[in-house]
Amino acid sequence: MQDGKGSTQSFLGGSALTLLFERFLVLSFLFSLILVFVQVIMRYLFNYSLSWSEELARYIFVWQSWLGFCLALRYGKHIRVDVVSHWLSPRLKIVFETIAWLLSLIMVLFLVTNGFQLLRLLASRGQVSPALRIPMSYAYAAVPVSCLLGSALIVEHIISLFTTSRKEQK
């Protein structure tokens, strides 16, 4: 969301929380890169494999993907098909975009509710990962947590459609 000065404000904070997300993603990527590199070196040079490194890299990648989804929403860089919206009047374009955002919100809230149900099921069964022996709910939590954040960002986008259109009408 753009404020009047050209800077971006959002649920993710416009600065502090967004910066935290970005740094986490960069640092976790670097950590994964080093982890996989060490695994390859260990396997091919020392003929010894770390049993847990591939699993940890996979879980980090899952969290990176879903938190990256939030940043894509934050910056409006998610994939979208906008062929139709270019031909619409400004008023119809707002209606069209609102419907698209509402459909996205429904999908994300579906993932939130079902994701938390899955977490409860995994926790009740006590399922742990094979190599790291951590609860599987830690890996699966990426979906509902990120979608919960994403739903707040989608609501912000919807609100900004109407506040921006009102400012332009004045």
Protein backbone atom coordinates (compact mmCIF):
# COMPACT_ATOMS: atom_id res chain seq x y z
CA MET A 1 0.00 0.00 0.00
CA GLN A 2 1.33 3.38 -0.95
CA ASP A 3 0.95 6.33 1.34
CA GLY A 4 0.92 9.89 0.00
CA LYS A 5 4.71 10.17 0.18
CA GLY A 6 5.42 7.16 -2.03
CA SER A 7 6.55 4.92 0.82
CA THR A 8 4.83 1.65 1.47
CA GLN A 9 2.82 0.96 4.63
CA SER A 10 1.35 -2.39 5.52
CA PHE A 11 0.35 -4.87 8.18
CA LEU A 12 3.89 -6.20 7.90
CA GLY A 13 5.00 -2.85 9.19
CA GLY A 14 6.33 -1.05 6.16
CA SER A 15 9.73 -1.29 7.78
CA ALA A 16 10.43 -3.28 10.95
CA LEU A 17 8.44 -6.47 10.42
CA THR A 18 9.03 -6.49 6.67
CA LEU A 19 12.74 -6.06 7.25
CA LEU A 20 12.63 -8.93 9.76
CA PHE A 21 10.91 -11.17 7.19
CA GLU A 22 13.37 -10.21 4.47
CA ARG A 23 16.39 -10.80 6.68
CA PHE A 24 15.03 -14.12 7.89
CA LEU A 25 14.50 -15.25 4.30
CA VAL A 26 17.99 -14.19 3.23
CA LEU A 27 19.70 -15.69 6.28
CA SER A 28 17.73 -18.91 6.06
CA PHE A 29 18.63 -19.16 2.37
CA LEU A 30 22.31 -18.71 3.17
CA PHE A 31 22.06 -21.26 5.97
CA SER A 32 20.37 -23.75 3.63
CA LEU A 33 22.99 -23.16 0.99
CA ILE A 34 25.82 -23.80 3.45
CA LEU A 35 24.00 -26.82 4.89
CA VAL A 36 23.51 -28.45 1.49
CA PHE A 37 27.10 -27.59 0.47
CA VAL A 38 28.47 -29.22 3.63
CA GLN A 39 26.27 -32.25 3.00
CA VAL A 40 27.65 -32.63 -0.53
CA ILE A 41 31.24 -32.23 0.69
CA MET A 42 30.69 -34.75 3.47
CA ARG A 43 29.10 -37.27 1.12
CA TYR A 44 31.52 -37.09 -1.79
CA LEU A 45 34.83 -36.25 -0.12
CA PHE A 46 34.51 -38.03 3.20
CA ASN A 47 32.04 -40.73 2.22
CA TYR A 48 29.92 -39.77 5.24
CA SER A 49 26.40 -38.40 5.06
CA LEU A 50 24.67 -36.20 7.60
CA SER A 51 21.34 -37.89 8.22
CA TRP A 52 19.48 -34.76 9.22
CA SER A 53 20.76 -32.06 6.82
CA GLU A 54 18.47 -32.81 3.87
CA GLU A 55 15.42 -32.90 6.10
CA LEU A 56 16.31 -29.60 7.77
CA ALA A 57 16.96 -27.95 4.39
CA ARG A 58 13.56 -29.18 3.17
CA TYR A 59 11.70 -27.76 6.19
CA ILE A 60 13.53 -24.44 5.90
CA PHE A 61 12.57 -24.32 2.23
CA VAL A 62 8.90 -24.90 3.10
CA TRP A 63 8.96 -21.99 5.57
CA GLN A 64 10.83 -19.80 3.06
CA SER A 65 8.21 -20.49 0.40
CA TRP A 66 5.25 -19.66 2.58
CA LEU A 67 6.82 -16.58 4.19
CA GLY A 68 7.86 -15.51 0.69
CA PHE A 69 4.17 -15.72 -0.20
CA CYS A 70 3.52 -13.08 2.48
CA LEU A 71 6.21 -10.80 1.13
CA ALA A 72 4.87 -11.22 -2.40
CA LEU A 73 1.46 -10.13 -1.12
CA ARG A 74 3.02 -7.26 0.81
CA TYR A 75 4.73 -5.89 -2.29
CA GLY A 76 1.95 -6.82 -4.72
CA LYS A 77 4.27 -9.14 -6.64
CA HIS A 78 2.12 -12.27 -6.60
CA ILE A 79 1.10 -13.89 -9.87
CA ARG A 80 -2.07 -12.48 -11.33
CA VAL A 81 -3.85 -12.39 -14.64
CA ASP A 82 -4.82 -8.82 -15.42
CA VAL A 83 -5.86 -9.06 -19.07
CA VAL A 84 -9.51 -8.24 -18.32
CA SER A 85 -8.87 -5.45 -15.83
CA HIS A 86 -7.04 -3.32 -18.42
CA TRP A 87 -10.25 -2.95 -20.43
CA LEU A 88 -12.49 -1.98 -17.53
CA SER A 89 -13.46 1.48 -16.36
CA PRO A 90 -11.84 2.62 -13.10
CA ARG A 91 -15.00 1.89 -11.11
CA LEU A 92 -15.48 -1.60 -12.61
CA LYS A 93 -11.78 -2.28 -12.17
CA ILE A 94 -12.17 -1.73 -8.41
CA VAL A 95 -15.16 -4.10 -8.33
CA PHE A 96 -13.25 -6.69 -10.35
CA GLU A 97 -10.15 -6.43 -8.16
CA THR A 98 -12.24 -6.58 -4.99
CA ILE A 99 -13.88 -9.81 -6.17
CA ALA A 100 -10.46 -11.26 -7.02
CA TRP A 101 -9.07 -10.29 -3.59
CA LEU A 102 -12.15 -11.72 -1.85
CA LEU A 103 -11.71 -15.03 -3.68
CA SER A 104 -8.06 -15.02 -2.61
CA LEU A 105 -9.11 -14.31 0.96
CA ILE A 106 -11.55 -17.24 0.92
CA MET A 107 -8.81 -19.56 -0.32
CA VAL A 108 -6.28 -18.33 2.23
CA LEU A 109 -8.78 -18.63 5.10
CA PHE A 110 -9.58 -22.16 3.92
CA LEU A 111 -5.87 -22.97 4.20
CA VAL A 112 -5.72 -21.36 7.65
CA THR A 113 -8.62 -23.34 9.09
CA ASN A 114 -7.63 -26.66 7.54
CA GLY A 115 -3.96 -26.05 8.30
CA PHE A 116 -4.66 -25.56 12.00
CA GLN A 117 -6.86 -28.67 12.00
CA LEU A 118 -3.97 -30.62 10.50
CA LEU A 119 -1.61 -29.22 13.16
CA ARG A 120 -3.97 -30.38 15.91
CA LEU A 121 -4.16 -33.84 14.34
CA LEU A 122 -0.37 -34.09 14.03
CA ALA A 123 0.11 -32.91 17.61
CA SER A 124 -2.45 -35.38 18.95
CA ARG A 125 -0.71 -38.25 17.19
CA GLY A 126 2.74 -37.13 18.30
CA GLN A 127 4.20 -37.53 14.82
CA VAL A 128 7.88 -36.57 14.60
CA SER A 129 10.23 -36.19 11.64
CA PRO A 130 12.40 -39.20 10.79
CA ALA A 131 15.88 -37.67 11.08
CA LEU A 132 15.57 -34.59 13.28
CA ARG A 133 12.92 -36.10 15.58
CA ILE A 134 11.09 -32.76 15.82
CA PRO A 135 7.29 -32.58 15.81
CA MET A 136 5.99 -32.60 12.23
CA SER A 137 3.62 -29.83 13.22
CA TYR A 138 6.63 -27.44 13.16
CA ALA A 139 7.12 -28.01 9.45
CA TYR A 140 3.41 -27.98 8.63
CA ALA A 141 2.79 -24.81 10.66
CA ALA A 142 4.24 -22.75 7.81
CA VAL A 143 0.98 -22.99 5.86
CA PRO A 144 -1.57 -21.74 8.40
CA VAL A 145 0.80 -19.19 9.97
CA SER A 146 1.74 -17.65 6.63
CA CYS A 147 -1.83 -17.76 5.36
CA LEU A 148 -3.03 -16.03 8.52
CA LEU A 149 -0.54 -13.23 7.86
CA GLY A 150 -1.52 -13.31 4.20
CA SER A 151 -5.21 -12.89 5.05
CA ALA A 152 -4.43 -9.69 6.96
CA LEU A 153 -2.47 -8.42 3.96
CA ILE A 154 -5.33 -9.27 1.60
CA VAL A 155 -7.77 -7.37 3.81
CA GLU A 156 -5.37 -4.41 3.66
CA HIS A 157 -5.33 -4.60 -0.13
CA ILE A 158 -9.12 -4.59 -0.23
CA ILE A 159 -9.30 -1.60 2.12
CA SER A 160 -6.68 0.25 0.10
CA LEU A 161 -8.72 -0.24 -3.09
CA PHE A 162 -11.55 1.76 -1.57
CA THR A 163 -9.48 4.36 0.25
CA THR A 164 -7.38 5.01 -2.86
CA SER A 165 -10.47 5.32 -5.07
CA ARG A 166 -12.06 7.78 -2.62
CA LYS A 167 -8.91 9.91 -2.55
CA GLU A 168 -8.84 9.94 -6.36
CA GLN A 169 -12.53 11.02 -6.51
CA LYS A 170 -11.88 14.06 -4.30
